[in-house]
């Protein structure tokens, strides 16, 4: 059992907040994204946040540090779009391994530094594996419902490269996140199992889906229960939801996971729902007060924040969570029965 798995039953673990929200404060220009190395790149690179792990590594390290200082036990690597599939938008497929490896190395370096300062509270790094910008379950063309923009095999290859770089960069856990299409996630999970065997590592896995609207379903049409069943063939550290909804709207879906999940349950919602301009207005105090419902009901083992959340939000969540015990893990419950 890894230290992370051991801690899961002892306390509510705190995940970080939004990397993208923090990077927006830097107001980076096209030139900042490019740095000297990519000054002559043929297409625009502005908005390629993953690239900043190479061109602005100090900023990435600083953001990780801020989240740790706010009380996070786990920070995510800056690799949400770190696949050849997503990097094709910037013609940067050849740099995918480096982007992931460097992002993992930066985050791990900060985690080790902060742990050394307070060994009583070990810090961890989750290798963030995003959903890509293509879906294997649905057609992007309404006139051709049988068409698929991506295949399972293409996803498997892309995820394998990303996951291998993250593992070799030193992450403690792999986080398959913001899952809107479970078939995409299955490709990631399949190849992680391949890698565990090939590299002889037993790295824990977290999976986090996203409920996209008030219907309570993922984009590919699954309810919370169906999503859980779809990924339950793999032993998981945790399963949960992030993004799309605010804390209040996420509660009923977490109740479903709490009822049926054999693993830990995670939640990192947005700072409320976006306003007319796409910004998130919910402050740290209000978000923490809504998350208190999860804690009162004993629904979660891991808590954090997604879009719009900052170290202030994470600090408020960490403070309120410190007063509660984590959700009882079913396997421990059955062992003690």
C-alpha atoms as a PDB file:
ATOM      1  CA  UNK A   1       0.000   0.000   0.000  1.00  0.00           C
ATOM      2  CA  UNK A   2       1.358   3.411  -0.973  1.00  0.00           C
ATOM      3  CA  UNK A   3       1.503   6.252   1.533  1.00  0.00           C
ATOM      4  CA  UNK A   4      -1.267   7.960  -0.420  1.00  0.00           C
ATOM      5  CA  UNK A   5      -3.556   4.940  -0.095  1.00  0.00           C
ATOM      6  CA  UNK A   6      -2.774   4.736   3.607  1.00  0.00           C
ATOM      7  CA  UNK A   7      -3.651   8.399   4.182  1.00  0.00           C
ATOM      8  CA  UNK A   8      -6.916   8.105   2.252  1.00  0.00           C
ATOM      9  CA  UNK A   9      -8.576   6.283   5.139  1.00  0.00           C
ATOM     10  CA  UNK A  10      -7.115   8.594   7.785  1.00  0.00           C
ATOM     11  CA  UNK A  11      -7.943  12.089   6.571  1.00  0.00           C
ATOM     12  CA  UNK A  12      -9.656  14.029   3.829  1.00  0.00           C
ATOM     13  CA  UNK A  13      -6.933  14.714   1.286  1.00  0.00           C
ATOM     14  CA  UNK A  14      -6.886  18.150  -0.316  1.00  0.00           C
ATOM     15  CA  UNK A  15      -6.294  18.550  -4.040  1.00  0.00           C
ATOM     16  CA  UNK A  16      -5.168  21.832  -5.578  1.00  0.00           C
ATOM     17  CA  UNK A  17      -7.255  24.379  -7.508  1.00  0.00           C
ATOM     18  CA  UNK A  18      -7.215  25.616 -11.081  1.00  0.00           C
ATOM     19  CA  UNK A  19      -3.839  25.968 -12.794  1.00  0.00           C
ATOM     20  CA  UNK A  20      -5.485  27.842 -15.682  1.00  0.00           C
ATOM     21  CA  UNK A  21      -7.132  30.367 -13.376  1.00  0.00           C
ATOM     22  CA  UNK A  22      -3.788  31.139 -11.754  1.00  0.00           C
ATOM     23  CA  UNK A  23      -1.965  31.416 -15.089  1.00  0.00           C
ATOM     24  CA  UNK A  24      -4.508  33.987 -16.303  1.00  0.00           C
ATOM     25  CA  UNK A  25      -3.181  36.372 -13.652  1.00  0.00           C
ATOM     26  CA  UNK A  26       0.193  36.422 -15.420  1.00  0.00           C
ATOM     27  CA  UNK A  27      -1.428  37.815 -18.593  1.00  0.00           C
ATOM     28  CA  UNK A  28       1.189  36.113 -20.760  1.00  0.00           C
ATOM     29  CA  UNK A  29       1.676  37.375 -24.308  1.00  0.00           C
ATOM     30  CA  UNK A  30       2.374  35.300 -27.414  1.00  0.00           C
ATOM     31  CA  UNK A  31       6.086  35.993 -26.871  1.00  0.00           C
ATOM     32  CA  UNK A  32       5.889  34.747 -23.271  1.00  0.00           C
ATOM     33  CA  UNK A  33       4.326  31.477 -24.381  1.00  0.00           C
ATOM     34  CA  UNK A  34       6.969  31.017 -27.073  1.00  0.00           C
ATOM     35  CA  UNK A  35      10.037  31.900 -25.033  1.00  0.00           C
ATOM     36  CA  UNK A  36      13.351  31.961 -26.882  1.00  0.00           C
ATOM     37  CA  UNK A  37      13.189  28.308 -27.864  1.00  0.00           C
ATOM     38  CA  UNK A  38       9.970  28.618 -29.882  1.00  0.00           C
ATOM     39  CA  UNK A  39      10.344  32.219 -31.051  1.00  0.00           C
ATOM     40  CA  UNK A  40       9.988  31.221 -34.709  1.00  0.00           C
ATOM     41  CA  UNK A  41       7.220  28.637 -34.320  1.00  0.00           C
ATOM     42  CA  UNK A  42       4.952  28.733 -37.422  1.00  0.00           C
ATOM     43  CA  UNK A  43       1.603  28.904 -35.575  1.00  0.00           C
ATOM     44  CA  UNK A  44       0.319  30.852 -32.576  1.00  0.00           C
ATOM     45  CA  UNK A  45       1.180  29.278 -29.218  1.00  0.00           C
ATOM     46  CA  UNK A  46      -0.787  31.630 -26.972  1.00  0.00           C
ATOM     47  CA  UNK A  47      -3.147  29.598 -24.813  1.00  0.00           C
ATOM     48  CA  UNK A  48      -0.976  26.482 -24.800  1.00  0.00           C
ATOM     49  CA  UNK A  49      -0.702  26.365 -21.016  1.00  0.00           C
ATOM     50  CA  UNK A  50       1.096  23.012 -20.997  1.00  0.00           C
ATOM     51  CA  UNK A  51       3.959  24.568 -22.951  1.00  0.00           C
ATOM     52  CA  UNK A  52       4.613  26.957 -20.047  1.00  0.00           C
ATOM     53  CA  UNK A  53       6.224  24.059 -18.170  1.00  0.00           C
ATOM     54  CA  UNK A  54       9.066  24.490 -20.670  1.00  0.00           C
ATOM     55  CA  UNK A  55       8.982  28.233 -21.400  1.00  0.00           C
ATOM     56  CA  UNK A  56       7.892  29.582 -17.972  1.00  0.00           C
ATOM     57  CA  UNK A  57       8.801  26.834 -15.471  1.00  0.00           C
ATOM     58  CA  UNK A  58       9.259  29.265 -12.562  1.00  0.00           C
ATOM     59  CA  UNK A  59       5.620  30.348 -12.800  1.00  0.00           C
ATOM     60  CA  UNK A  60       4.404  26.742 -12.781  1.00  0.00           C
ATOM     61  CA  UNK A  61       6.538  25.933  -9.731  1.00  0.00           C
ATOM     62  CA  UNK A  62       5.293  29.074  -7.956  1.00  0.00           C
ATOM     63  CA  UNK A  63       1.659  28.115  -8.522  1.00  0.00           C
ATOM     64  CA  UNK A  64       2.259  24.597  -7.178  1.00  0.00           C
ATOM     65  CA  UNK A  65       3.925  26.121  -4.126  1.00  0.00           C
ATOM     66  CA  UNK A  66       0.975  28.464  -3.507  1.00  0.00           C
ATOM     67  CA  UNK A  67      -1.439  25.556  -3.513  1.00  0.00           C
ATOM     68  CA  UNK A  68       0.724  23.520  -1.156  1.00  0.00           C
ATOM     69  CA  UNK A  69       1.013  26.520   1.158  1.00  0.00           C
ATOM     70  CA  UNK A  70      -2.774  26.848   1.081  1.00  0.00           C
ATOM     71  CA  UNK A  71      -3.110  23.319   2.445  1.00  0.00           C
ATOM     72  CA  UNK A  72      -3.117  21.027  -0.598  1.00  0.00           C
ATOM     73  CA  UNK A  73      -1.831  17.496  -0.068  1.00  0.00           C
ATOM     74  CA  UNK A  74      -1.795  16.815  -3.813  1.00  0.00           C
ATOM     75  CA  UNK A  75      -1.062  19.079  -6.777  1.00  0.00           C
ATOM     76  CA  UNK A  76      -1.818  18.215 -10.388  1.00  0.00           C
ATOM     77  CA  UNK A  77       0.792  18.443 -13.103  1.00  0.00           C
ATOM     78  CA  UNK A  78       0.333  21.116 -15.770  1.00  0.00           C
ATOM     79  CA  UNK A  79      -0.545  18.504 -18.395  1.00  0.00           C
ATOM     80  CA  UNK A  80      -4.304  18.700 -19.006  1.00  0.00           C
ATOM     81  CA  UNK A  81      -3.720  18.859 -22.789  1.00  0.00           C
ATOM     82  CA  UNK A  82      -0.522  16.819 -22.806  1.00  0.00           C
ATOM     83  CA  UNK A  83      -1.324  14.363 -25.593  1.00  0.00           C
ATOM     84  CA  UNK A  84      -0.385  14.315 -29.269  1.00  0.00           C
ATOM     85  CA  UNK A  85      -4.116  14.597 -29.990  1.00  0.00           C
ATOM     86  CA  UNK A  86      -4.544  17.909 -28.159  1.00  0.00           C
ATOM     87  CA  UNK A  87      -1.083  19.250 -29.084  1.00  0.00           C
ATOM     88  CA  UNK A  88      -1.875  18.814 -32.802  1.00  0.00           C
ATOM     89  CA  UNK A  89      -3.664  22.185 -32.545  1.00  0.00           C
ATOM     90  CA  UNK A  90      -0.239  23.772 -32.028  1.00  0.00           C
ATOM     91  CA  UNK A  91       1.727  21.366 -34.262  1.00  0.00           C
ATOM     92  CA  UNK A  92       3.689  20.338 -31.158  1.00  0.00           C
ATOM     93  CA  UNK A  93       3.147  16.580 -31.097  1.00  0.00           C
ATOM     94  CA  UNK A  94       6.908  15.933 -31.008  1.00  0.00           C
ATOM     95  CA  UNK A  95       7.247  17.687 -27.629  1.00  0.00           C
ATOM     96  CA  UNK A  96       4.579  15.702 -25.769  1.00  0.00           C
ATOM     97  CA  UNK A  97       6.970  13.462 -23.829  1.00  0.00           C
ATOM     98  CA  UNK A  98       9.095  16.445 -22.787  1.00  0.00           C
ATOM     99  CA  UNK A  99       6.063  18.525 -21.754  1.00  0.00           C
ATOM    100  CA  UNK A 100       4.783  15.772 -19.485  1.00  0.00           C
ATOM    101  CA  UNK A 101       8.152  14.794 -18.075  1.00  0.00           C
ATOM    102  CA  UNK A 102       9.088  18.415 -17.262  1.00  0.00           C
ATOM    103  CA  UNK A 103       5.679  19.148 -15.746  1.00  0.00           C
ATOM    104  CA  UNK A 104       6.001  16.097 -13.501  1.00  0.00           C
ATOM    105  CA  UNK A 105       9.571  16.966 -12.569  1.00  0.00           C
ATOM    106  CA  UNK A 106       8.645  20.558 -11.626  1.00  0.00           C
ATOM    107  CA  UNK A 107       5.680  19.503  -9.481  1.00  0.00           C
ATOM    108  CA  UNK A 108       7.631  16.693  -7.812  1.00  0.00           C
ATOM    109  CA  UNK A 109      10.492  19.054  -6.997  1.00  0.00           C
ATOM    110  CA  UNK A 110       8.138  21.450  -5.239  1.00  0.00           C
ATOM    111  CA  UNK A 111       6.384  18.578  -3.427  1.00  0.00           C
ATOM    112  CA  UNK A 112       9.698  17.240  -2.121  1.00  0.00           C
ATOM    113  CA  UNK A 113      10.799  20.697  -1.027  1.00  0.00           C
ATOM    114  CA  UNK A 114       7.567  21.362   0.891  1.00  0.00           C
ATOM    115  CA  UNK A 115       7.600  17.871   2.438  1.00  0.00           C
ATOM    116  CA  UNK A 116      11.180  18.422   3.616  1.00  0.00           C
ATOM    117  CA  UNK A 117      10.050  21.603   5.379  1.00  0.00           C
ATOM    118  CA  UNK A 118       7.317  19.676   7.229  1.00  0.00           C
ATOM    119  CA  UNK A 119       7.889  15.884   7.075  1.00  0.00           C
ATOM    120  CA  UNK A 120       4.764  15.304   9.191  1.00  0.00           C
ATOM    121  CA  UNK A 121       2.669  16.272   6.172  1.00  0.00           C
ATOM    122  CA  UNK A 122       3.887  14.483   3.028  1.00  0.00           C
ATOM    123  CA  UNK A 123       2.896  16.097  -0.290  1.00  0.00           C
ATOM    124  CA  UNK A 124       2.089  14.303  -3.516  1.00  0.00           C
ATOM    125  CA  UNK A 125       1.841  14.866  -7.261  1.00  0.00           C
ATOM    126  CA  UNK A 126      -0.994  13.682  -9.488  1.00  0.00           C
ATOM    127  CA  UNK A 127      -0.197  13.287 -13.162  1.00  0.00           C
ATOM    128  CA  UNK A 128      -3.111  15.030 -14.880  1.00  0.00           C
ATOM    129  CA  UNK A 129      -4.453  13.186 -17.924  1.00  0.00           C
ATOM    130  CA  UNK A 130      -7.163  15.225 -19.647  1.00  0.00           C
ATOM    131  CA  UNK A 131      -9.939  13.945 -21.915  1.00  0.00           C
ATOM    132  CA  UNK A 132      -8.427  15.253 -25.220  1.00  0.00           C
ATOM    133  CA  UNK A 133     -10.512  17.403 -27.558  1.00  0.00           C
ATOM    134  CA  UNK A 134     -12.031  14.419 -29.408  1.00  0.00           C
ATOM    135  CA  UNK A 135     -14.600  11.825 -28.435  1.00  0.00           C
ATOM    136  CA  UNK A 136     -14.582   8.138 -29.324  1.00  0.00           C
ATOM    137  CA  UNK A 137     -18.271   7.546 -28.555  1.00  0.00           C
ATOM    138  CA  UNK A 138     -19.999  10.178 -30.648  1.00  0.00           C
ATOM    139  CA  UNK A 139     -19.826  11.704 -34.093  1.00  0.00           C
ATOM    140  CA  UNK A 140     -18.903  15.393 -34.428  1.00  0.00           C
ATOM    141  CA  UNK A 141     -20.899  15.416 -37.663  1.00  0.00           C
ATOM    142  CA  UNK A 142     -24.688  15.463 -37.228  1.00  0.00           C
ATOM    143  CA  UNK A 143     -25.072  14.338 -40.845  1.00  0.00           C
ATOM    144  CA  UNK A 144     -22.923  11.241 -40.302  1.00  0.00           C
ATOM    145  CA  UNK A 145     -23.728   9.684 -36.919  1.00  0.00           C
ATOM    146  CA  UNK A 146     -21.476   6.694 -37.585  1.00  0.00           C
ATOM    147  CA  UNK A 147     -18.343   8.816 -38.064  1.00  0.00           C
ATOM    148  CA  UNK A 148     -15.702   8.992 -35.319  1.00  0.00           C
ATOM    149  CA  UNK A 149     -12.964  11.622 -35.186  1.00  0.00           C
ATOM    150  CA  UNK A 150     -10.731   9.345 -33.108  1.00  0.00           C
ATOM    151  CA  UNK A 151     -10.342   5.614 -32.529  1.00  0.00           C
ATOM    152  CA  UNK A 152      -9.739   3.681 -29.313  1.00  0.00           C
ATOM    153  CA  UNK A 153      -6.330   2.627 -30.619  1.00  0.00           C
ATOM    154  CA  UNK A 154      -5.293   6.212 -31.395  1.00  0.00           C
ATOM    155  CA  UNK A 155      -6.319   7.260 -27.902  1.00  0.00           C
ATOM    156  CA  UNK A 156      -4.476   4.314 -26.358  1.00  0.00           C
ATOM    157  CA  UNK A 157      -1.220   5.248 -28.091  1.00  0.00           C
ATOM    158  CA  UNK A 158      -1.517   8.924 -27.160  1.00  0.00           C
ATOM    159  CA  UNK A 159      -2.327   8.201 -23.529  1.00  0.00           C
ATOM    160  CA  UNK A 160       0.482   5.675 -23.268  1.00  0.00           C
ATOM    161  CA  UNK A 161       3.062   8.271 -24.268  1.00  0.00           C
ATOM    162  CA  UNK A 162       1.656  10.779 -21.801  1.00  0.00           C
ATOM    163  CA  UNK A 163       1.330   8.368 -18.883  1.00  0.00           C
ATOM    164  CA  UNK A 164       4.834   6.963 -19.423  1.00  0.00           C
ATOM    165  CA  UNK A 165       6.353  10.459 -19.315  1.00  0.00           C
ATOM    166  CA  UNK A 166       4.410  11.347 -16.166  1.00  0.00           C
ATOM    167  CA  UNK A 167       5.489   8.156 -14.392  1.00  0.00           C
ATOM    168  CA  UNK A 168       9.114   8.628 -15.416  1.00  0.00           C
ATOM    169  CA  UNK A 169       8.908  12.278 -14.335  1.00  0.00           C
ATOM    170  CA  UNK A 170       8.073  11.133 -10.801  1.00  0.00           C
ATOM    171  CA  UNK A 171       4.313  11.463 -10.203  1.00  0.00           C
ATOM    172  CA  UNK A 172       2.780   9.566  -7.273  1.00  0.00           C
ATOM    173  CA  UNK A 173      -0.627   8.919  -8.810  1.00  0.00           C
ATOM    174  CA  UNK A 174      -2.228   9.191 -12.246  1.00  0.00           C
ATOM    175  CA  UNK A 175      -5.434  11.236 -12.507  1.00  0.00           C
ATOM    176  CA  UNK A 176      -7.651  10.542 -15.524  1.00  0.00           C
ATOM    177  CA  UNK A 177      -9.813  13.629 -15.246  1.00  0.00           C
ATOM    178  CA  UNK A 178     -12.713  15.627 -16.654  1.00  0.00           C
ATOM    179  CA  UNK A 179     -14.018  12.477 -18.319  1.00  0.00           C
ATOM    180  CA  UNK A 180     -16.867  13.423 -20.663  1.00  0.00           C
ATOM    181  CA  UNK A 181     -16.638  10.199 -22.689  1.00  0.00           C
ATOM    182  CA  UNK A 182     -15.954   7.022 -20.729  1.00  0.00           C
ATOM    183  CA  UNK A 183     -14.622   5.274 -23.835  1.00  0.00           C
ATOM    184  CA  UNK A 184     -11.783   7.824 -23.907  1.00  0.00           C
ATOM    185  CA  UNK A 185     -11.142   7.117 -20.228  1.00  0.00           C
ATOM    186  CA  UNK A 186     -11.163   3.370 -20.859  1.00  0.00           C
ATOM    187  CA  UNK A 187      -8.376   3.852 -23.406  1.00  0.00           C
ATOM    188  CA  UNK A 188      -6.342   5.703 -20.763  1.00  0.00           C
ATOM    189  CA  UNK A 189      -7.043   3.081 -18.097  1.00  0.00           C
ATOM    190  CA  UNK A 190      -6.223   0.225 -20.460  1.00  0.00           C
ATOM    191  CA  UNK A 191      -2.848   1.673 -21.373  1.00  0.00           C
ATOM    192  CA  UNK A 192      -1.991   2.569 -17.768  1.00  0.00           C
ATOM    193  CA  UNK A 193      -2.476  -1.091 -16.883  1.00  0.00           C
ATOM    194  CA  UNK A 194      -0.168  -1.961 -19.802  1.00  0.00           C
ATOM    195  CA  UNK A 195       2.462   0.456 -18.508  1.00  0.00           C
ATOM    196  CA  UNK A 196       2.255  -0.808 -14.945  1.00  0.00           C
ATOM    197  CA  UNK A 197       3.210  -4.242 -16.239  1.00  0.00           C
ATOM    198  CA  UNK A 198       5.874  -3.033 -18.679  1.00  0.00           C
ATOM    199  CA  UNK A 199       7.553  -0.650 -16.201  1.00  0.00           C
ATOM    200  CA  UNK A 200       6.937  -2.907 -13.183  1.00  0.00           C
ATOM    201  CA  UNK A 201       5.295  -0.115 -11.187  1.00  0.00           C
ATOM    202  CA  UNK A 202       2.103  -0.193  -9.137  1.00  0.00           C
ATOM    203  CA  UNK A 203       1.012   3.418  -9.371  1.00  0.00           C
ATOM    204  CA  UNK A 204      -2.422   4.351  -7.942  1.00  0.00           C
ATOM    205  CA  UNK A 205      -5.096   5.665 -10.324  1.00  0.00           C
ATOM    206  CA  UNK A 206      -7.746   8.332  -9.769  1.00  0.00           C
ATOM    207  CA  UNK A 207     -10.646   8.848 -12.187  1.00  0.00           C
ATOM    208  CA  UNK A 208     -12.781  11.968 -12.262  1.00  0.00           C
ATOM    209  CA  UNK A 209     -15.734  12.416 -14.587  1.00  0.00           C
ATOM    210  CA  UNK A 210     -17.697  15.516 -15.447  1.00  0.00           C
ATOM    211  CA  UNK A 211     -21.477  15.919 -15.370  1.00  0.00           C
ATOM    212  CA  UNK A 212     -22.119  18.376 -18.176  1.00  0.00           C
ATOM    213  CA  UNK A 213     -25.593  19.729 -17.442  1.00  0.00           C
ATOM    214  CA  UNK A 214     -28.701  19.619 -15.278  1.00  0.00           C
ATOM    215  CA  UNK A 215     -29.709  16.253 -16.748  1.00  0.00           C
ATOM    216  CA  UNK A 216     -27.070  14.683 -14.499  1.00  0.00           C
ATOM    217  CA  UNK A 217     -25.267  12.935 -17.330  1.00  0.00           C
ATOM    218  CA  UNK A 218     -21.835  13.003 -18.911  1.00  0.00           C
ATOM    219  CA  UNK A 219     -21.543  14.312 -22.469  1.00  0.00           C
ATOM    220  CA  UNK A 220     -21.690  10.750 -23.787  1.00  0.00           C
ATOM    221  CA  UNK A 221     -24.964  10.225 -21.928  1.00  0.00           C
ATOM    222  CA  UNK A 222     -24.066   8.295 -18.784  1.00  0.00           C
ATOM    223  CA  UNK A 223     -25.571   8.839 -15.361  1.00  0.00           C
ATOM    224  CA  UNK A 224     -23.275   8.905 -12.331  1.00  0.00           C
ATOM    225  CA  UNK A 225     -24.028   5.242 -11.608  1.00  0.00           C
ATOM    226  CA  UNK A 226     -23.388   4.154 -15.209  1.00  0.00           C
ATOM    227  CA  UNK A 227     -20.115   6.095 -15.240  1.00  0.00           C
ATOM    228  CA  UNK A 228     -19.012   4.365 -12.047  1.00  0.00           C
ATOM    229  CA  UNK A 229     -19.868   0.913 -13.392  1.00  0.00           C
ATOM    230  CA  UNK A 230     -17.951   1.672 -16.600  1.00  0.00           C
ATOM    231  CA  UNK A 231     -14.664   2.265 -14.781  1.00  0.00           C
ATOM    232  CA  UNK A 232     -15.052  -0.206 -11.903  1.00  0.00           C
ATOM    233  CA  UNK A 233     -13.160  -2.992 -13.685  1.00  0.00           C
ATOM    234  CA  UNK A 234      -9.896  -1.280 -12.674  1.00  0.00           C
ATOM    235  CA  UNK A 235      -8.798  -1.021  -9.018  1.00  0.00           C
ATOM    236  CA  UNK A 236      -8.930   2.714  -8.291  1.00  0.00           C
ATOM    237  CA  UNK A 237      -7.627   4.939  -5.518  1.00  0.00           C
ATOM    238  CA  UNK A 238     -10.645   7.167  -6.065  1.00  0.00           C
ATOM    239  CA  UNK A 239     -13.495   7.921  -8.404  1.00  0.00           C
ATOM    240  CA  UNK A 240     -15.305  11.250  -8.498  1.00  0.00           C
ATOM    241  CA  UNK A 241     -16.424  14.303 -10.391  1.00  0.00           C
ATOM    242  CA  UNK A 242     -14.913  17.650 -11.283  1.00  0.00           C
ATOM    243  CA  UNK A 243     -15.619  20.714 -13.410  1.00  0.00           C
ATOM    244  CA  UNK A 244     -18.877  21.674 -15.203  1.00  0.00           C
ATOM    245  CA  UNK A 245     -20.934  22.123 -12.027  1.00  0.00           C
ATOM    246  CA  UNK A 246     -20.532  24.129  -8.847  1.00  0.00           C
ATOM    247  CA  UNK A 247     -20.298  22.453  -5.448  1.00  0.00           C
ATOM    248  CA  UNK A 248     -24.024  22.654  -4.710  1.00  0.00           C
ATOM    249  CA  UNK A 249     -25.092  21.075  -8.011  1.00  0.00           C
ATOM    250  CA  UNK A 250     -22.613  18.206  -7.612  1.00  0.00           C
ATOM    251  CA  UNK A 251     -24.014  16.882  -4.322  1.00  0.00           C
ATOM    252  CA  UNK A 252     -26.621  14.369  -5.636  1.00  0.00           C
ATOM    253  CA  UNK A 253     -24.078  12.800  -7.998  1.00  0.00           C
ATOM    254  CA  UNK A 254     -21.573  12.352  -5.181  1.00  0.00           C
ATOM    255  CA  UNK A 255     -24.298  10.681  -3.142  1.00  0.00           C
ATOM    256  CA  UNK A 256     -24.591   8.065  -5.898  1.00  0.00           C
ATOM    257  CA  UNK A 257     -20.831   7.423  -5.859  1.00  0.00           C
ATOM    258  CA  UNK A 258     -20.822   7.243  -2.072  1.00  0.00           C
ATOM    259  CA  UNK A 259     -23.548   4.586  -2.218  1.00  0.00           C
ATOM    260  CA  UNK A 260     -21.835   2.315  -4.736  1.00  0.00           C
ATOM    261  CA  UNK A 261     -18.091   3.055  -5.019  1.00  0.00           C
ATOM    262  CA  UNK A 262     -15.623   0.555  -3.556  1.00  0.00           C
ATOM    263  CA  UNK A 263     -12.792   3.095  -3.806  1.00  0.00           C
ATOM    264  CA  UNK A 264     -12.348   6.551  -2.364  1.00  0.00           C
ATOM    265  CA  UNK A 265     -14.605   9.341  -3.651  1.00  0.00           C
ATOM    266  CA  UNK A 266     -13.228  12.655  -4.908  1.00  0.00           C
ATOM    267  CA  UNK A 267     -14.807  16.008  -5.749  1.00  0.00           C
ATOM    268  CA  UNK A 268     -13.313  19.158  -7.165  1.00  0.00           C
ATOM    269  CA  UNK A 269     -16.106  21.389  -8.452  1.00  0.00           C
ATOM    270  CA  UNK A 270     -15.926  24.782 -10.093  1.00  0.00           C
ATOM    271  CA  UNK A 271     -16.222  28.007  -8.107  1.00  0.00           C
ATOM    272  CA  UNK A 272     -19.958  28.096  -8.792  1.00  0.00           C
ATOM    273  CA  UNK A 273     -21.428  28.382 -12.267  1.00  0.00           C
ATOM    274  CA  UNK A 274     -19.921  30.754 -14.857  1.00  0.00           C
ATOM    275  CA  UNK A 275     -21.442  34.194 -15.333  1.00  0.00           C
ATOM    276  CA  UNK A 276     -22.420  35.703 -18.701  1.00  0.00           C
ATOM    277  CA  UNK A 277     -18.742  36.406 -19.450  1.00  0.00           C
ATOM    278  CA  UNK A 278     -17.568  32.906 -18.594  1.00  0.00           C
ATOM    279  CA  UNK A 279     -15.981  34.010 -15.311  1.00  0.00           C
ATOM    280  CA  UNK A 280     -16.483  32.412 -11.901  1.00  0.00           C
ATOM    281  CA  UNK A 281     -17.678  34.722  -9.138  1.00  0.00           C
ATOM    282  CA  UNK A 282     -18.101  32.386  -6.168  1.00  0.00           C
ATOM    283  CA  UNK A 283     -15.727  33.380  -3.398  1.00  0.00           C
ATOM    284  CA  UNK A 284     -13.811  31.002  -1.151  1.00  0.00           C
ATOM    285  CA  UNK A 285     -16.150  31.356   1.827  1.00  0.00           C
ATOM    286  CA  UNK A 286     -19.301  30.562  -0.154  1.00  0.00           C
ATOM    287  CA  UNK A 287     -17.705  27.614  -1.922  1.00  0.00           C
ATOM    288  CA  UNK A 288     -16.449  26.139   1.343  1.00  0.00           C
ATOM    289  CA  UNK A 289     -19.891  26.516   2.916  1.00  0.00           C
ATOM    290  CA  UNK A 290     -21.439  24.539   0.032  1.00  0.00           C
ATOM    291  CA  UNK A 291     -18.765  21.835   0.257  1.00  0.00           C
ATOM    292  CA  UNK A 292     -19.622  21.474   3.950  1.00  0.00           C
ATOM    293  CA  UNK A 293     -22.671  19.474   2.833  1.00  0.00           C
ATOM    294  CA  UNK A 294     -20.350  16.781   1.407  1.00  0.00           C
ATOM    295  CA  UNK A 295     -18.577  16.621   4.739  1.00  0.00           C
ATOM    296  CA  UNK A 296     -21.729  16.554   6.857  1.00  0.00           C
ATOM    297  CA  UNK A 297     -22.982  13.630   4.770  1.00  0.00           C
ATOM    298  CA  UNK A 298     -19.614  11.822   4.766  1.00  0.00           C
ATOM    299  CA  UNK A 299     -19.447  11.676   0.977  1.00  0.00           C
ATOM    300  CA  UNK A 300     -15.782  12.309   0.149  1.00  0.00           C
ATOM    301  CA  UNK A 301     -12.172  11.290   0.699  1.00  0.00           C
ATOM    302  CA  UNK A 302     -10.525  13.846  -1.599  1.00  0.00           C
ATOM    303  CA  UNK A 303     -11.545  17.494  -2.054  1.00  0.00           C
ATOM    304  CA  UNK A 304     -10.258  20.274  -4.299  1.00  0.00           C
ATOM    305  CA  UNK A 305     -11.300  22.887  -6.815  1.00  0.00           C
ATOM    306  CA  UNK A 306     -11.618  23.190 -10.589  1.00  0.00           C
ATOM    307  CA  UNK A 307     -12.362  26.231 -12.811  1.00  0.00           C
ATOM    308  CA  UNK A 308     -12.198  29.569 -11.029  1.00  0.00           C
ATOM    309  CA  UNK A 309     -10.621  28.240  -7.842  1.00  0.00           C
ATOM    310  CA  UNK A 310      -7.496  29.812  -6.337  1.00  0.00           C
ATOM    311  CA  UNK A 311      -5.310  29.167  -3.278  1.00  0.00           C
ATOM    312  CA  UNK A 312      -7.880  31.148  -1.248  1.00  0.00           C
ATOM    313  CA  UNK A 313     -10.556  28.615  -2.177  1.00  0.00           C
ATOM    314  CA  UNK A 314      -8.272  25.685  -1.365  1.00  0.00           C
ATOM    315  CA  UNK A 315      -7.311  27.216   1.984  1.00  0.00           C
ATOM    316  CA  UNK A 316     -10.982  27.629   2.934  1.00  0.00           C
ATOM    317  CA  UNK A 317     -11.797  24.065   1.824  1.00  0.00           C
ATOM    318  CA  UNK A 318      -8.780  22.649   3.702  1.00  0.00           C
ATOM    319  CA  UNK A 319      -9.729  24.491   6.883  1.00  0.00           C
ATOM    320  CA  UNK A 320     -13.306  23.254   6.918  1.00  0.00           C
ATOM    321  CA  UNK A 321     -12.313  19.693   5.897  1.00  0.00           C
ATOM    322  CA  UNK A 322      -9.826  19.449   8.772  1.00  0.00           C
ATOM    323  CA  UNK A 323     -12.776  19.226  11.173  1.00  0.00           C
ATOM    324  CA  UNK A 324     -14.181  16.096   9.537  1.00  0.00           C
ATOM    325  CA  UNK A 325     -13.308  12.448   9.121  1.00  0.00           C
ATOM    326  CA  UNK A 326     -13.102  11.039   5.579  1.00  0.00           C
ATOM    327  CA  UNK A 327     -15.773   8.857   4.015  1.00  0.00           C
ATOM    328  CA  UNK A 328     -15.381   5.305   5.338  1.00  0.00           C
ATOM    329  CA  UNK A 329     -13.834   3.118   2.650  1.00  0.00           C
ATOM    330  CA  UNK A 330     -16.069   0.083   1.943  1.00  0.00           C
ATOM    331  CA  UNK A 331     -13.215  -2.435   2.072  1.00  0.00           C
ATOM    332  CA  UNK A 332     -12.189  -1.186   5.529  1.00  0.00           C
ATOM    333  CA  UNK A 333     -15.804  -1.228   6.640  1.00  0.00           C
ATOM    334  CA  UNK A 334     -16.211  -4.868   5.582  1.00  0.00           C
ATOM    335  CA  UNK A 335     -12.920  -5.864   7.242  1.00  0.00           C
ATOM    336  CA  UNK A 336     -14.001  -4.356  10.565  1.00  0.00           C
ATOM    337  CA  UNK A 337     -17.518  -5.852  10.384  1.00  0.00           C
END
